[in-house]
Amino acid sequence: MQKRLECQVFGRVQLVMFRDFIKRNARARGLVGIVKNNPDGSVSIVVEGEETPLREILGSAKKGPLLSRVDHVEEKWTEPLGSYKKFDILY
């Protein structure tokens, strides 16, 4: 079943390749959406796809890449909007 997951990730998640880590993980799972840095130092992720790979990407977001430190993740699950064709980093 298709779902939409919106996350805001807090901690040391900027300048540590976090967005690229999420992009690679999402694309490997066939997910679509975006990841971007926020002015407050957090990272936002919006991703759509099947529920199992979405749960896997959520696990990746909670762990982060080697140099990151994830303090906590706020998550929101909704119905997909179908507005993405691939997974991209927004700059």
N, C-alpha and C. Protein backbone atom coordinates (compact mmCIF):
# COMPACT_ATOMS: atom_id res chain seq x y z
N MET A 1 0.83 -1.18 0.00
CA MET A 1 0.00 0.00 0.00
C MET A 1 0.88 1.25 0.00
N GLN A 2 0.58 2.18 -0.88
CA GLN A 2 1.35 3.42 -0.99
C GLN A 2 1.05 4.35 0.18
N LYS A 3 2.10 4.97 0.71
CA LYS A 3 2.00 5.91 1.82
C LYS A 3 2.92 7.10 1.57
N ARG A 4 2.75 8.12 2.40
CA ARG A 4 3.62 9.30 2.40
C ARG A 4 4.16 9.46 3.82
N LEU A 5 5.47 9.65 3.93
CA LEU A 5 6.12 9.86 5.21
C LEU A 5 6.82 11.21 5.18
N GLU A 6 6.49 12.05 6.15
CA GLU A 6 7.16 13.33 6.32
C GLU A 6 7.91 13.29 7.63
N CYS A 7 9.21 13.61 7.59
CA CYS A 7 10.05 13.56 8.79
C CYS A 7 10.81 14.87 8.95
N GLN A 8 11.05 15.23 10.20
CA GLN A 8 11.99 16.28 10.51
C GLN A 8 12.99 15.66 11.46
N VAL A 9 14.27 15.72 11.08
CA VAL A 9 15.34 15.05 11.80
C VAL A 9 16.18 16.11 12.52
N PHE A 10 16.36 15.92 13.81
CA PHE A 10 17.11 16.88 14.64
C PHE A 10 18.39 16.24 15.15
N GLY A 11 19.42 17.05 15.33
CA GLY A 11 20.71 16.60 15.83
C GLY A 11 21.81 17.21 15.00
N ARG A 12 22.93 16.52 14.90
CA ARG A 12 24.01 16.97 14.01
C ARG A 12 23.76 16.28 12.66
N VAL A 13 22.94 16.92 11.84
CA VAL A 13 22.50 16.30 10.59
C VAL A 13 22.80 17.17 9.37
N GLN A 14 23.46 18.30 9.57
CA GLN A 14 23.89 19.12 8.44
C GLN A 14 25.42 19.10 8.39
N LEU A 15 25.96 19.18 7.17
CA LEU A 15 27.41 19.15 6.92
C LEU A 15 28.04 17.80 7.26
N VAL A 16 27.24 16.73 7.25
CA VAL A 16 27.75 15.38 7.54
C VAL A 16 27.27 14.38 6.48
N MET A 17 26.88 14.87 5.30
CA MET A 17 26.42 14.03 4.19
C MET A 17 25.09 13.34 4.47
N PHE A 18 24.29 13.91 5.37
CA PHE A 18 23.01 13.30 5.73
C PHE A 18 22.05 13.25 4.55
N ARG A 19 21.93 14.37 3.81
CA ARG A 19 20.99 14.40 2.69
C ARG A 19 21.37 13.38 1.62
N ASP A 20 22.66 13.29 1.31
CA ASP A 20 23.11 12.31 0.31
C ASP A 20 22.86 10.89 0.80
N PHE A 21 23.08 10.64 2.07
CA PHE A 21 22.81 9.33 2.67
C PHE A 21 21.34 8.94 2.50
N ILE A 22 20.44 9.88 2.78
CA ILE A 22 19.01 9.61 2.63
C ILE A 22 18.65 9.41 1.16
N LYS A 23 19.19 10.24 0.28
CA LYS A 23 18.91 10.11 -1.16
C LYS A 23 19.32 8.74 -1.68
N ARG A 24 20.52 8.30 -1.35
CA ARG A 24 20.99 7.00 -1.82
C ARG A 24 20.12 5.87 -1.28
N ASN A 25 19.76 5.95 0.00
CA ASN A 25 18.91 4.92 0.60
C ASN A 25 17.52 4.91 -0.02
N ALA A 26 16.95 6.08 -0.26
CA ALA A 26 15.61 6.17 -0.85
C ALA A 26 15.60 5.64 -2.28
N ARG A 27 16.57 6.06 -3.08
CA ARG A 27 16.62 5.59 -4.47
C ARG A 27 16.84 4.09 -4.55
N ALA A 28 17.65 3.55 -3.66
CA ALA A 28 17.89 2.10 -3.64
C ALA A 28 16.62 1.31 -3.34
N ARG A 29 15.67 1.95 -2.66
CA ARG A 29 14.41 1.30 -2.30
C ARG A 29 13.26 1.67 -3.24
N GLY A 30 13.56 2.42 -4.29
CA GLY A 30 12.54 2.79 -5.26
C GLY A 30 11.55 3.84 -4.76
N LEU A 31 11.98 4.65 -3.79
CA LEU A 31 11.10 5.67 -3.22
C LEU A 31 11.29 7.01 -3.95
N VAL A 32 10.28 7.86 -3.87
CA VAL A 32 10.35 9.18 -4.48
C VAL A 32 10.09 10.24 -3.41
N GLY A 33 10.64 11.45 -3.63
CA GLY A 33 10.42 12.54 -2.68
C GLY A 33 11.57 13.51 -2.67
N ILE A 34 11.76 14.15 -1.51
CA ILE A 34 12.81 15.16 -1.38
C ILE A 34 13.41 15.12 0.03
N VAL A 35 14.62 15.65 0.13
CA VAL A 35 15.27 15.88 1.41
C VAL A 35 15.91 17.26 1.33
N LYS A 36 15.82 18.04 2.44
CA LYS A 36 16.40 19.39 2.42
C LYS A 36 16.83 19.81 3.82
N ASN A 37 17.82 20.71 3.86
CA ASN A 37 18.24 21.33 5.11
C ASN A 37 17.26 22.42 5.49
N ASN A 38 17.05 22.60 6.77
CA ASN A 38 16.20 23.67 7.29
C ASN A 38 17.07 24.72 7.99
N PRO A 39 16.61 25.97 8.04
CA PRO A 39 17.40 27.03 8.69
C PRO A 39 17.71 26.76 10.17
N ASP A 40 16.88 25.96 10.84
CA ASP A 40 17.11 25.68 12.26
C ASP A 40 18.13 24.57 12.52
N GLY A 41 18.75 24.04 11.44
CA GLY A 41 19.75 22.99 11.59
C GLY A 41 19.21 21.58 11.44
N SER A 42 17.91 21.44 11.31
CA SER A 42 17.30 20.13 11.11
C SER A 42 17.26 19.80 9.62
N VAL A 43 16.84 18.60 9.31
CA VAL A 43 16.66 18.14 7.93
C VAL A 43 15.24 17.64 7.77
N SER A 44 14.59 18.04 6.67
CA SER A 44 13.24 17.56 6.36
C SER A 44 13.30 16.53 5.25
N ILE A 45 12.49 15.50 5.41
CA ILE A 45 12.37 14.43 4.41
C ILE A 45 10.90 14.25 4.10
N VAL A 46 10.57 14.23 2.82
CA VAL A 46 9.23 13.87 2.36
C VAL A 46 9.43 12.74 1.37
N VAL A 47 8.83 11.59 1.64
CA VAL A 47 9.08 10.42 0.81
C VAL A 47 7.78 9.64 0.63
N GLU A 48 7.59 9.11 -0.59
CA GLU A 48 6.40 8.33 -0.90
C GLU A 48 6.78 6.99 -1.50
N GLY A 49 5.96 5.99 -1.22
CA GLY A 49 6.19 4.66 -1.77
C GLY A 49 5.47 3.62 -0.92
N GLU A 50 5.90 2.38 -1.09
CA GLU A 50 5.32 1.27 -0.33
C GLU A 50 5.73 1.38 1.14
N GLU A 51 4.87 0.90 2.02
CA GLU A 51 5.07 1.08 3.46
C GLU A 51 6.34 0.42 3.99
N THR A 52 6.66 -0.79 3.54
CA THR A 52 7.86 -1.47 4.05
C THR A 52 9.14 -0.69 3.76
N PRO A 53 9.38 -0.27 2.50
CA PRO A 53 10.58 0.54 2.27
C PRO A 53 10.55 1.89 2.98
N LEU A 54 9.36 2.45 3.17
CA LEU A 54 9.27 3.70 3.93
C LEU A 54 9.71 3.49 5.37
N ARG A 55 9.34 2.39 5.97
CA ARG A 55 9.77 2.09 7.34
C ARG A 55 11.29 1.88 7.39
N GLU A 56 11.83 1.30 6.32
CA GLU A 56 13.29 1.11 6.25
C GLU A 56 14.01 2.46 6.15
N ILE A 57 13.49 3.38 5.35
CA ILE A 57 14.12 4.70 5.22
C ILE A 57 13.98 5.48 6.52
N LEU A 58 12.88 5.29 7.23
CA LEU A 58 12.72 5.91 8.55
C LEU A 58 13.79 5.39 9.50
N GLY A 59 14.05 4.10 9.46
CA GLY A 59 15.13 3.53 10.28
C GLY A 59 16.48 4.11 9.92
N SER A 60 16.72 4.31 8.63
CA SER A 60 17.97 4.93 8.18
C SER A 60 18.07 6.37 8.69
N ALA A 61 16.96 7.09 8.64
CA ALA A 61 16.95 8.48 9.11
C ALA A 61 17.22 8.55 10.61
N LYS A 62 16.72 7.60 11.37
CA LYS A 62 16.93 7.59 12.81
C LYS A 62 18.37 7.24 13.18
N LYS A 63 19.05 6.55 12.28
CA LYS A 63 20.44 6.14 12.52
C LYS A 63 21.41 7.18 11.94
N GLY A 64 21.20 7.58 10.68
CA GLY A 64 22.06 8.55 10.02
C GLY A 64 23.38 7.96 9.56
N PRO A 65 24.14 8.74 8.78
CA PRO A 65 25.46 8.29 8.34
C PRO A 65 26.48 8.38 9.49
N LEU A 66 27.66 7.92 9.22
CA LEU A 66 28.71 7.77 10.23
C LEU A 66 28.98 9.03 11.05
N LEU A 67 29.10 10.19 10.44
CA LEU A 67 29.49 11.41 11.15
C LEU A 67 28.32 12.17 11.78
N SER A 68 27.12 11.69 11.56
CA SER A 68 25.94 12.39 12.09
C SER A 68 25.63 11.94 13.52
N ARG A 69 24.74 12.72 14.16
CA ARG A 69 24.19 12.33 15.45
C ARG A 69 22.71 12.70 15.41
N VAL A 70 21.85 11.72 15.41
CA VAL A 70 20.41 11.97 15.36
C VAL A 70 19.88 11.98 16.79
N ASP A 71 19.33 13.14 17.19
CA ASP A 71 18.77 13.25 18.54
C ASP A 71 17.33 12.76 18.58
N HIS A 72 16.53 13.18 17.61
CA HIS A 72 15.18 12.63 17.50
C HIS A 72 14.58 12.96 16.14
N VAL A 73 13.55 12.19 15.80
CA VAL A 73 12.88 12.32 14.50
C VAL A 73 11.39 12.47 14.75
N GLU A 74 10.82 13.53 14.18
CA GLU A 74 9.36 13.69 14.19
C GLU A 74 8.84 13.12 12.88
N GLU A 75 7.84 12.27 12.95
CA GLU A 75 7.32 11.62 11.74
C GLU A 75 5.81 11.82 11.62
N LYS A 76 5.36 11.90 10.39
CA LYS A 76 3.93 12.04 10.10
C LYS A 76 3.62 11.17 8.88
N TRP A 77 2.63 10.30 9.02
CA TRP A 77 2.21 9.39 7.96
C TRP A 77 0.89 9.88 7.38
N THR A 78 0.81 9.97 6.05
CA THR A 78 -0.41 10.38 5.37
C THR A 78 -0.56 9.60 4.07
N GLU A 79 -1.60 9.92 3.34
CA GLU A 79 -1.80 9.33 2.01
C GLU A 79 -0.88 10.04 1.01
N PRO A 80 -0.36 9.32 0.01
CA PRO A 80 0.53 9.94 -0.97
C PRO A 80 -0.22 10.94 -1.86
N LEU A 81 0.52 11.97 -2.28
CA LEU A 81 -0.03 12.97 -3.19
C LEU A 81 0.36 12.69 -4.64
N GLY A 82 1.40 11.88 -4.83
CA GLY A 82 1.84 11.54 -6.18
C GLY A 82 2.51 12.68 -6.92
N SER A 83 3.11 13.60 -6.19
CA SER A 83 3.69 14.79 -6.83
C SER A 83 5.18 14.65 -7.14
N TYR A 84 5.79 13.52 -6.84
CA TYR A 84 7.22 13.32 -7.09
C TYR A 84 7.42 12.21 -8.12
N LYS A 85 8.45 12.39 -8.96
CA LYS A 85 8.80 11.39 -9.97
C LYS A 85 10.06 10.62 -9.60
N LYS A 86 10.93 11.26 -8.78
CA LYS A 86 12.17 10.63 -8.32
C LYS A 86 12.52 11.22 -6.97
N PHE A 87 13.64 10.81 -6.41
CA PHE A 87 14.07 11.34 -5.12
C PHE A 87 15.21 12.33 -5.35
N ASP A 88 15.04 13.56 -4.82
CA ASP A 88 16.02 14.62 -5.03
C ASP A 88 16.40 15.32 -3.73
N ILE A 89 17.58 15.92 -3.76
CA ILE A 89 18.01 16.83 -2.70
C ILE A 89 17.62 18.23 -3.14
N LEU A 90 16.95 18.96 -2.26
CA LEU A 90 16.64 20.37 -2.53
C LEU A 90 17.74 21.22 -1.89
N TYR A 91 18.24 22.16 -2.67
CA TYR A 91 19.30 23.06 -2.19
C TYR A 91 18.77 24.44 -1.95
